[in-house]
Amino acid sequence: MTITIEYTVEQKAAMEQLKRRFAGDMKPELYEDTHLFYRFLKARDFNLDLAESMLKKHLQWRKDFSLDTILTDYTPPEGLSKYFPGGIIGVDKDQCPVKYFAFGSLDPKGVRKAAKFSDIVKHVIQITEREALFLKKQSLK
């Protein structure tokens, strides 16, 4: 299921202006994502300067956490998945993802003993990126 947003003329113009500010500074798959620019503009009430600042911080955060390679280059500590169970387990009849997170099986003490806080954060980011990739593939069907 794909949701289509009808942008106003003003929104389209603001998105194009923000996009021009990042020409050559972003990976192509991010730069081509028009909705990415819309989200940052909307978050800052379509103030171009504030949206630009926020998006720059976001891109730096992506770089700091190696989001572009986290699915292939990061391996969480061995026990982390054991103590932090859950994820997408399939799709329903409408092809929407079904996510299961076993909160009852979550062992906070085990998680803290199995990994450093930074590894826990990276593990959650990796799960989120894997799910975002899954959603992107589903939307192309």
C-alpha atoms as a PDB file:
ATOM      1  CA  MET A   1       0.000   0.000   0.000  1.00  0.00           C
ATOM      2  CA  THR A   2       1.488   3.332  -1.039  1.00  0.00           C
ATOM      3  CA  ILE A   3       0.279   6.641   0.310  1.00  0.00           C
ATOM      4  CA  THR A   4       0.444   9.515  -2.144  1.00  0.00           C
ATOM      5  CA  ILE A   5       0.627  13.047  -0.805  1.00  0.00           C
ATOM      6  CA  GLU A   6      -0.656  15.948  -2.866  1.00  0.00           C
ATOM      7  CA  TYR A   7       1.826  18.771  -2.295  1.00  0.00           C
ATOM      8  CA  THR A   8       0.741  22.388  -2.705  1.00  0.00           C
ATOM      9  CA  VAL A   9       2.544  24.669  -5.158  1.00  0.00           C
ATOM     10  CA  GLU A  10       4.211  26.453  -2.225  1.00  0.00           C
ATOM     11  CA  GLN A  11       5.327  23.149  -0.680  1.00  0.00           C
ATOM     12  CA  LYS A  12       6.781  21.969  -3.988  1.00  0.00           C
ATOM     13  CA  ALA A  13       8.686  25.246  -4.374  1.00  0.00           C
ATOM     14  CA  ALA A  14      10.072  25.003  -0.832  1.00  0.00           C
ATOM     15  CA  MET A  15      11.079  21.371  -1.404  1.00  0.00           C
ATOM     16  CA  GLU A  16      12.918  22.325  -4.592  1.00  0.00           C
ATOM     17  CA  GLN A  17      14.714  25.175  -2.826  1.00  0.00           C
ATOM     18  CA  LEU A  18      15.808  22.910   0.024  1.00  0.00           C
ATOM     19  CA  LYS A  19      16.821  20.211  -2.428  1.00  0.00           C
ATOM     20  CA  ARG A  20      19.018  22.682  -4.354  1.00  0.00           C
ATOM     21  CA  ARG A  21      20.821  23.548  -1.117  1.00  0.00           C
ATOM     22  CA  PHE A  22      21.927  19.917  -0.823  1.00  0.00           C
ATOM     23  CA  ALA A  23      22.903  19.304  -4.456  1.00  0.00           C
ATOM     24  CA  GLY A  24      26.047  17.175  -4.446  1.00  0.00           C
ATOM     25  CA  ASP A  25      26.070  16.791  -0.648  1.00  0.00           C
ATOM     26  CA  MET A  26      23.826  13.738  -0.369  1.00  0.00           C
ATOM     27  CA  LYS A  27      23.822  10.162  -1.554  1.00  0.00           C
ATOM     28  CA  PRO A  28      21.651   9.852  -4.688  1.00  0.00           C
ATOM     29  CA  GLU A  29      19.010   7.643  -3.044  1.00  0.00           C
ATOM     30  CA  LEU A  30      18.482  10.259  -0.324  1.00  0.00           C
ATOM     31  CA  TYR A  31      18.637  13.204  -2.711  1.00  0.00           C
ATOM     32  CA  GLU A  32      15.993  11.646  -4.973  1.00  0.00           C
ATOM     33  CA  ASP A  33      13.620  11.114  -2.033  1.00  0.00           C
ATOM     34  CA  THR A  34      11.363  14.160  -2.388  1.00  0.00           C
ATOM     35  CA  HIS A  35       9.385  13.218   0.703  1.00  0.00           C
ATOM     36  CA  LEU A  36      12.572  13.437   2.810  1.00  0.00           C
ATOM     37  CA  PHE A  37      12.765  17.163   2.085  1.00  0.00           C
ATOM     38  CA  TYR A  38       9.042  17.546   2.764  1.00  0.00           C
ATOM     39  CA  ARG A  39       9.380  15.895   6.193  1.00  0.00           C
ATOM     40  CA  PHE A  40      12.161  18.230   7.298  1.00  0.00           C
ATOM     41  CA  LEU A  41      10.336  21.289   5.984  1.00  0.00           C
ATOM     42  CA  LYS A  42       7.113  20.268   7.701  1.00  0.00           C
ATOM     43  CA  ALA A  43       8.972  19.656  10.967  1.00  0.00           C
ATOM     44  CA  ARG A  44      10.173  23.271  10.842  1.00  0.00           C
ATOM     45  CA  ASP A  45       6.941  24.858   9.583  1.00  0.00           C
ATOM     46  CA  PHE A  46       8.452  25.280   6.105  1.00  0.00           C
ATOM     47  CA  ASN A  47      11.223  27.575   7.367  1.00  0.00           C
ATOM     48  CA  LEU A  48      13.975  26.789   4.843  1.00  0.00           C
ATOM     49  CA  ASP A  49      16.898  27.775   7.069  1.00  0.00           C
ATOM     50  CA  LEU A  50      15.676  25.751  10.047  1.00  0.00           C
ATOM     51  CA  ALA A  51      14.870  22.760   7.837  1.00  0.00           C
ATOM     52  CA  GLU A  52      18.323  22.966   6.245  1.00  0.00           C
ATOM     53  CA  SER A  53      20.003  23.058   9.661  1.00  0.00           C
ATOM     54  CA  MET A  54      17.942  20.105  10.870  1.00  0.00           C
ATOM     55  CA  LEU A  55      18.656  18.079   7.730  1.00  0.00           C
ATOM     56  CA  LYS A  56      22.400  18.804   8.005  1.00  0.00           C
ATOM     57  CA  LYS A  57      22.351  17.495  11.583  1.00  0.00           C
ATOM     58  CA  HIS A  58      20.444  14.419  10.418  1.00  0.00           C
ATOM     59  CA  LEU A  59      22.986  13.720   7.671  1.00  0.00           C
ATOM     60  CA  GLN A  60      25.840  14.105  10.165  1.00  0.00           C
ATOM     61  CA  TRP A  61      24.069  11.705  12.535  1.00  0.00           C
ATOM     62  CA  ARG A  62      23.695   9.191   9.681  1.00  0.00           C
ATOM     63  CA  LYS A  63      27.421   9.518   9.019  1.00  0.00           C
ATOM     64  CA  ASP A  64      28.367   9.206  12.714  1.00  0.00           C
ATOM     65  CA  PHE A  65      26.413   5.957  13.031  1.00  0.00           C
ATOM     66  CA  SER A  66      27.426   4.622   9.587  1.00  0.00           C
ATOM     67  CA  LEU A  67      23.816   4.166   8.544  1.00  0.00           C
ATOM     68  CA  ASP A  68      24.720   3.610   4.915  1.00  0.00           C
ATOM     69  CA  THR A  69      26.652   0.449   5.795  1.00  0.00           C
ATOM     70  CA  ILE A  70      25.167  -0.630   9.130  1.00  0.00           C
ATOM     71  CA  LEU A  71      23.236  -3.531   7.561  1.00  0.00           C
ATOM     72  CA  THR A  72      26.376  -5.106   6.116  1.00  0.00           C
ATOM     73  CA  ASP A  73      29.240  -3.904   8.287  1.00  0.00           C
ATOM     74  CA  TYR A  74      27.869  -4.051  11.827  1.00  0.00           C
ATOM     75  CA  THR A  75      27.522  -7.275  13.767  1.00  0.00           C
ATOM     76  CA  PRO A  76      25.924  -6.892  17.196  1.00  0.00           C
ATOM     77  CA  PRO A  77      27.496  -8.649  20.180  1.00  0.00           C
ATOM     78  CA  GLU A  78      26.543 -12.315  20.314  1.00  0.00           C
ATOM     79  CA  GLY A  79      24.047 -12.217  23.190  1.00  0.00           C
ATOM     80  CA  LEU A  80      22.284  -9.027  22.202  1.00  0.00           C
ATOM     81  CA  SER A  81      19.767 -10.654  19.837  1.00  0.00           C
ATOM     82  CA  LYS A  82      19.030 -13.280  22.471  1.00  0.00           C
ATOM     83  CA  TYR A  83      18.114 -10.679  25.072  1.00  0.00           C
ATOM     84  CA  PHE A  84      16.498  -8.261  22.614  1.00  0.00           C
ATOM     85  CA  PRO A  85      14.059 -10.402  20.561  1.00  0.00           C
ATOM     86  CA  GLY A  86      11.648  -9.161  17.913  1.00  0.00           C
ATOM     87  CA  GLY A  87      11.242  -7.760  14.434  1.00  0.00           C
ATOM     88  CA  ILE A  88       9.152  -8.163  11.295  1.00  0.00           C
ATOM     89  CA  ILE A  89       7.868 -11.716  11.078  1.00  0.00           C
ATOM     90  CA  GLY A  90       5.903 -11.498   7.835  1.00  0.00           C
ATOM     91  CA  VAL A  91       3.061  -9.659   6.160  1.00  0.00           C
ATOM     92  CA  ASP A  92      -0.698  -9.704   6.586  1.00  0.00           C
ATOM     93  CA  LYS A  93      -3.308 -10.285   3.868  1.00  0.00           C
ATOM     94  CA  ASP A  94      -2.878  -6.675   2.662  1.00  0.00           C
ATOM     95  CA  GLN A  95       0.905  -7.124   2.436  1.00  0.00           C
ATOM     96  CA  CYS A  96       1.483  -4.823   5.422  1.00  0.00           C
ATOM     97  CA  PRO A  97       4.327  -5.841   7.736  1.00  0.00           C
ATOM     98  CA  VAL A  98       3.582  -7.732  10.912  1.00  0.00           C
ATOM     99  CA  LYS A  99       6.039  -6.859  13.642  1.00  0.00           C
ATOM    100  CA  TYR A 100       6.451  -8.911  16.773  1.00  0.00           C
ATOM    101  CA  PHE A 101       8.364  -7.700  19.750  1.00  0.00           C
ATOM    102  CA  ALA A 102       8.435 -10.093  22.694  1.00  0.00           C
ATOM    103  CA  PHE A 103       8.363  -7.563  25.526  1.00  0.00           C
ATOM    104  CA  GLY A 104       7.763 -10.388  27.975  1.00  0.00           C
ATOM    105  CA  SER A 105      11.027 -11.988  26.876  1.00  0.00           C
ATOM    106  CA  LEU A 106      12.996  -8.743  27.034  1.00  0.00           C
ATOM    107  CA  ASP A 107      15.724  -9.046  29.633  1.00  0.00           C
ATOM    108  CA  PRO A 108      16.989  -5.524  30.410  1.00  0.00           C
ATOM    109  CA  LYS A 109      19.734  -6.781  32.716  1.00  0.00           C
ATOM    110  CA  GLY A 110      20.801  -9.347  30.134  1.00  0.00           C
ATOM    111  CA  VAL A 111      20.886  -6.671  27.442  1.00  0.00           C
ATOM    112  CA  ARG A 112      23.080  -4.409  29.580  1.00  0.00           C
ATOM    113  CA  LYS A 113      25.444  -7.291  30.401  1.00  0.00           C
ATOM    114  CA  ALA A 114      25.599  -8.490  26.800  1.00  0.00           C
ATOM    115  CA  ALA A 115      26.537  -5.157  25.251  1.00  0.00           C
ATOM    116  CA  LYS A 116      27.695  -1.610  25.730  1.00  0.00           C
ATOM    117  CA  PHE A 117      25.079   1.101  25.438  1.00  0.00           C
ATOM    118  CA  SER A 118      26.522   2.188  22.079  1.00  0.00           C
ATOM    119  CA  ASP A 119      26.075  -1.373  20.755  1.00  0.00           C
ATOM    120  CA  ILE A 120      22.468  -1.416  21.930  1.00  0.00           C
ATOM    121  CA  VAL A 121      21.821   1.851  20.090  1.00  0.00           C
ATOM    122  CA  LYS A 122      23.505   0.522  16.931  1.00  0.00           C
ATOM    123  CA  HIS A 123      21.504  -2.713  17.180  1.00  0.00           C
ATOM    124  CA  VAL A 124      18.211  -0.793  17.381  1.00  0.00           C
ATOM    125  CA  ILE A 125      19.300   1.411  14.461  1.00  0.00           C
ATOM    126  CA  GLN A 126      20.205  -1.707  12.469  1.00  0.00           C
ATOM    127  CA  ILE A 127      16.776  -3.221  13.167  1.00  0.00           C
ATOM    128  CA  THR A 128      15.123   0.033  12.097  1.00  0.00           C
ATOM    129  CA  GLU A 129      17.172   0.251   8.894  1.00  0.00           C
ATOM    130  CA  ARG A 130      16.379  -3.388   8.056  1.00  0.00           C
ATOM    131  CA  GLU A 131      12.677  -2.669   8.543  1.00  0.00           C
ATOM    132  CA  ALA A 132      12.878   0.513   6.440  1.00  0.00           C
ATOM    133  CA  LEU A 133      14.475  -1.513   3.635  1.00  0.00           C
ATOM    134  CA  PHE A 134      11.721  -4.114   3.965  1.00  0.00           C
ATOM    135  CA  LEU A 135       9.065  -1.377   3.733  1.00  0.00           C
ATOM    136  CA  LYS A 136      10.736   0.137   0.695  1.00  0.00           C
ATOM    137  CA  LYS A 137      10.758  -3.255  -1.053  1.00  0.00           C
ATOM    138  CA  GLN A 138       7.116  -3.830  -0.108  1.00  0.00           C
ATOM    139  CA  SER A 139       6.098  -0.460  -1.546  1.00  0.00           C
ATOM    140  CA  LEU A 140       7.614  -1.403  -4.912  1.00  0.00           C
ATOM    141  CA  LYS A 141       5.392  -4.484  -5.234  1.00  0.00           C
END
